[in-house]
Structure formats: structure tokens, C-alpha cells
């Protein structure tokens, strides 16, 4: 399992815990008591780091999918391979 996938799994676990449960922050891996229903991080700093990582990962996956679509849609066109 990749580090990114582990971080996502930890986020979902923390997000789904009951109030006043002990949770583990997906970013810094410290324990905290969940005080709000929507809380998944121990600090704003960790929350920002998670969402910035998540956005860049999504952006990179979008690039990969665009390249895959381009290659599969015009497999006979040799000019497609210039980008690689």
C-alpha cells in the first residue's frame, strides 16, 4: 500500500470515529481526542497539508488519465508518442 493510500485510509478512519474517541492524525500520526463530528486532524496545519497533498495527487492522476485516453483513442497516430 502506498503512503498516499495509507494517508487516505487513516483520514477515513478518523472521520468516521465517534465524538470523544481517540483518533490518529493522518498527517503527523499523533493521537488526539475528536471533539467535533467533522474533525479528522489534530491541527489546521495538518488539515492544510492533507488537502494540498490530496489536490496535487488528484492533479497528477488527471494528467495520467488524459495521457492514457490520448494514447488509446489514437493508437495508430505516431505523433501521440512524441510526448513520451
C-alpha atoms as a PDB file:
ATOM      1  CA  UNK A   1       0.000   0.000   0.000  1.00  0.00           C
ATOM      2  CA  UNK A   2       1.364   3.402  -0.943  1.00  0.00           C
ATOM      3  CA  UNK A   3       1.930   6.167   1.560  1.00  0.00           C
ATOM      4  CA  UNK A   4      -0.798   8.217  -0.117  1.00  0.00           C
ATOM      5  CA  UNK A   5      -3.309   5.363   0.148  1.00  0.00           C
ATOM      6  CA  UNK A   6      -2.404   4.811   3.803  1.00  0.00           C
ATOM      7  CA  UNK A   7      -2.985   8.514   4.485  1.00  0.00           C
ATOM      8  CA  UNK A   8      -6.422   8.329   2.823  1.00  0.00           C
ATOM      9  CA  UNK A   9      -7.351   5.247   4.832  1.00  0.00           C
ATOM     10  CA  UNK A  10      -6.279   6.933   8.078  1.00  0.00           C
ATOM     11  CA  UNK A  11      -8.332  10.001   7.143  1.00  0.00           C
ATOM     12  CA  UNK A  12     -11.497   7.932   6.622  1.00  0.00           C
ATOM     13  CA  UNK A  13     -10.971   6.063   9.874  1.00  0.00           C
ATOM     14  CA  UNK A  14     -10.540   9.297  11.838  1.00  0.00           C
ATOM     15  CA  UNK A  15     -13.504  10.895  10.082  1.00  0.00           C
ATOM     16  CA  UNK A  16     -15.850   8.018  10.962  1.00  0.00           C
ATOM     17  CA  UNK A  17     -14.975   7.735  14.650  1.00  0.00           C
ATOM     18  CA  UNK A  18     -17.491   8.771  17.301  1.00  0.00           C
ATOM     19  CA  UNK A  19     -17.166  12.003  19.259  1.00  0.00           C
ATOM     20  CA  UNK A  20     -14.656  11.979  22.130  1.00  0.00           C
ATOM     21  CA  UNK A  21     -12.873   8.956  20.711  1.00  0.00           C
ATOM     22  CA  UNK A  22      -9.108   8.812  20.453  1.00  0.00           C
ATOM     23  CA  UNK A  23      -8.136   9.327  16.820  1.00  0.00           C
ATOM     24  CA  UNK A  24      -4.817   9.360  14.985  1.00  0.00           C
ATOM     25  CA  UNK A  25      -3.979  12.306  12.719  1.00  0.00           C
ATOM     26  CA  UNK A  26      -3.382  11.061   9.139  1.00  0.00           C
ATOM     27  CA  UNK A  27      -0.500  13.519   8.653  1.00  0.00           C
ATOM     28  CA  UNK A  28       1.596  13.648  11.834  1.00  0.00           C
ATOM     29  CA  UNK A  29       0.334  10.353  13.325  1.00  0.00           C
ATOM     30  CA  UNK A  30      -0.243  11.866  16.799  1.00  0.00           C
ATOM     31  CA  UNK A  31      -3.221  10.881  18.917  1.00  0.00           C
ATOM     32  CA  UNK A  32      -5.950  13.394  19.696  1.00  0.00           C
ATOM     33  CA  UNK A  33      -9.452  13.386  21.123  1.00  0.00           C
ATOM     34  CA  UNK A  34     -12.074  14.001  18.461  1.00  0.00           C
ATOM     35  CA  UNK A  35     -14.094  16.990  19.716  1.00  0.00           C
ATOM     36  CA  UNK A  36     -16.195  17.707  16.605  1.00  0.00           C
ATOM     37  CA  UNK A  37     -18.101  15.334  14.363  1.00  0.00           C
ATOM     38  CA  UNK A  38     -16.257  16.535  11.248  1.00  0.00           C
ATOM     39  CA  UNK A  39     -12.783  16.521  12.822  1.00  0.00           C
ATOM     40  CA  UNK A  40     -10.150  14.264  11.269  1.00  0.00           C
ATOM     41  CA  UNK A  41      -6.918  16.155  12.071  1.00  0.00           C
ATOM     42  CA  UNK A  42      -5.252  17.367  15.242  1.00  0.00           C
ATOM     43  CA  UNK A  43      -4.425  20.839  13.833  1.00  0.00           C
ATOM     44  CA  UNK A  44      -5.174  23.229  10.986  1.00  0.00           C
ATOM     45  CA  UNK A  45      -1.608  22.799   9.770  1.00  0.00           C
ATOM     46  CA  UNK A  46      -2.148  19.056   9.269  1.00  0.00           C
ATOM     47  CA  UNK A  47      -5.523  19.680   7.626  1.00  0.00           C
ATOM     48  CA  UNK A  48      -3.978  22.062   5.081  1.00  0.00           C
ATOM     49  CA  UNK A  49      -1.103  19.665   4.409  1.00  0.00           C
ATOM     50  CA  UNK A  50      -3.554  16.817   3.748  1.00  0.00           C
ATOM     51  CA  UNK A  51      -5.737  18.745   1.326  1.00  0.00           C
ATOM     52  CA  UNK A  52      -2.744  20.191  -0.557  1.00  0.00           C
ATOM     53  CA  UNK A  53      -1.295  16.683  -0.937  1.00  0.00           C
ATOM     54  CA  UNK A  54      -4.689  15.350  -1.956  1.00  0.00           C
ATOM     55  CA  UNK A  55      -5.137  18.033  -4.627  1.00  0.00           C
ATOM     56  CA  UNK A  56      -1.690  17.509  -6.147  1.00  0.00           C
ATOM     57  CA  UNK A  57      -2.216  13.734  -6.210  1.00  0.00           C
ATOM     58  CA  UNK A  58      -5.586  14.228  -7.951  1.00  0.00           C
ATOM     59  CA  UNK A  59      -3.987  16.634 -10.429  1.00  0.00           C
ATOM     60  CA  UNK A  60      -1.259  14.101 -11.234  1.00  0.00           C
ATOM     61  CA  UNK A  61      -3.844  11.341 -11.717  1.00  0.00           C
ATOM     62  CA  UNK A  62      -5.810  13.604 -14.064  1.00  0.00           C
ATOM     63  CA  UNK A  63      -2.669  14.060 -16.164  1.00  0.00           C
ATOM     64  CA  UNK A  64      -2.094  10.312 -16.295  1.00  0.00           C
ATOM     65  CA  UNK A  65      -5.691   9.643 -17.342  1.00  0.00           C
ATOM     66  CA  UNK A  66      -5.516  12.286 -20.088  1.00  0.00           C
ATOM     67  CA  UNK A  67      -2.371  10.685 -21.465  1.00  0.00           C
ATOM     68  CA  UNK A  68      -3.977   7.241 -21.355  1.00  0.00           C
ATOM     69  CA  UNK A  69      -7.073   8.484 -23.178  1.00  0.00           C
ATOM     70  CA  UNK A  70      -4.947  10.193 -25.803  1.00  0.00           C
ATOM     71  CA  UNK A  71      -2.921   7.046 -26.458  1.00  0.00           C
ATOM     72  CA  UNK A  72      -5.876   4.658 -26.578  1.00  0.00           C
ATOM     73  CA  UNK A  73      -8.057   6.905 -28.731  1.00  0.00           C
ATOM     74  CA  UNK A  74      -5.453   7.388 -31.446  1.00  0.00           C
ATOM     75  CA  UNK A  75      -3.218   4.340 -31.203  1.00  0.00           C
ATOM     76  CA  UNK A  76      -2.391   4.473 -34.946  1.00  0.00           C
ATOM     77  CA  UNK A  77      -1.220   8.094 -34.802  1.00  0.00           C
ATOM     78  CA  UNK A  78       2.580   8.112 -34.312  1.00  0.00           C
ATOM     79  CA  UNK A  79       2.630  11.794 -33.272  1.00  0.00           C
ATOM     80  CA  UNK A  80       0.968  10.822 -29.964  1.00  0.00           C
ATOM     81  CA  UNK A  81       4.208   9.224 -28.797  1.00  0.00           C
ATOM     82  CA  UNK A  82       6.275  12.432 -29.094  1.00  0.00           C
ATOM     83  CA  UNK A  83       5.173  13.440 -25.557  1.00  0.00           C
ATOM     84  CA  UNK A  84       6.733  10.328 -24.033  1.00  0.00           C
END
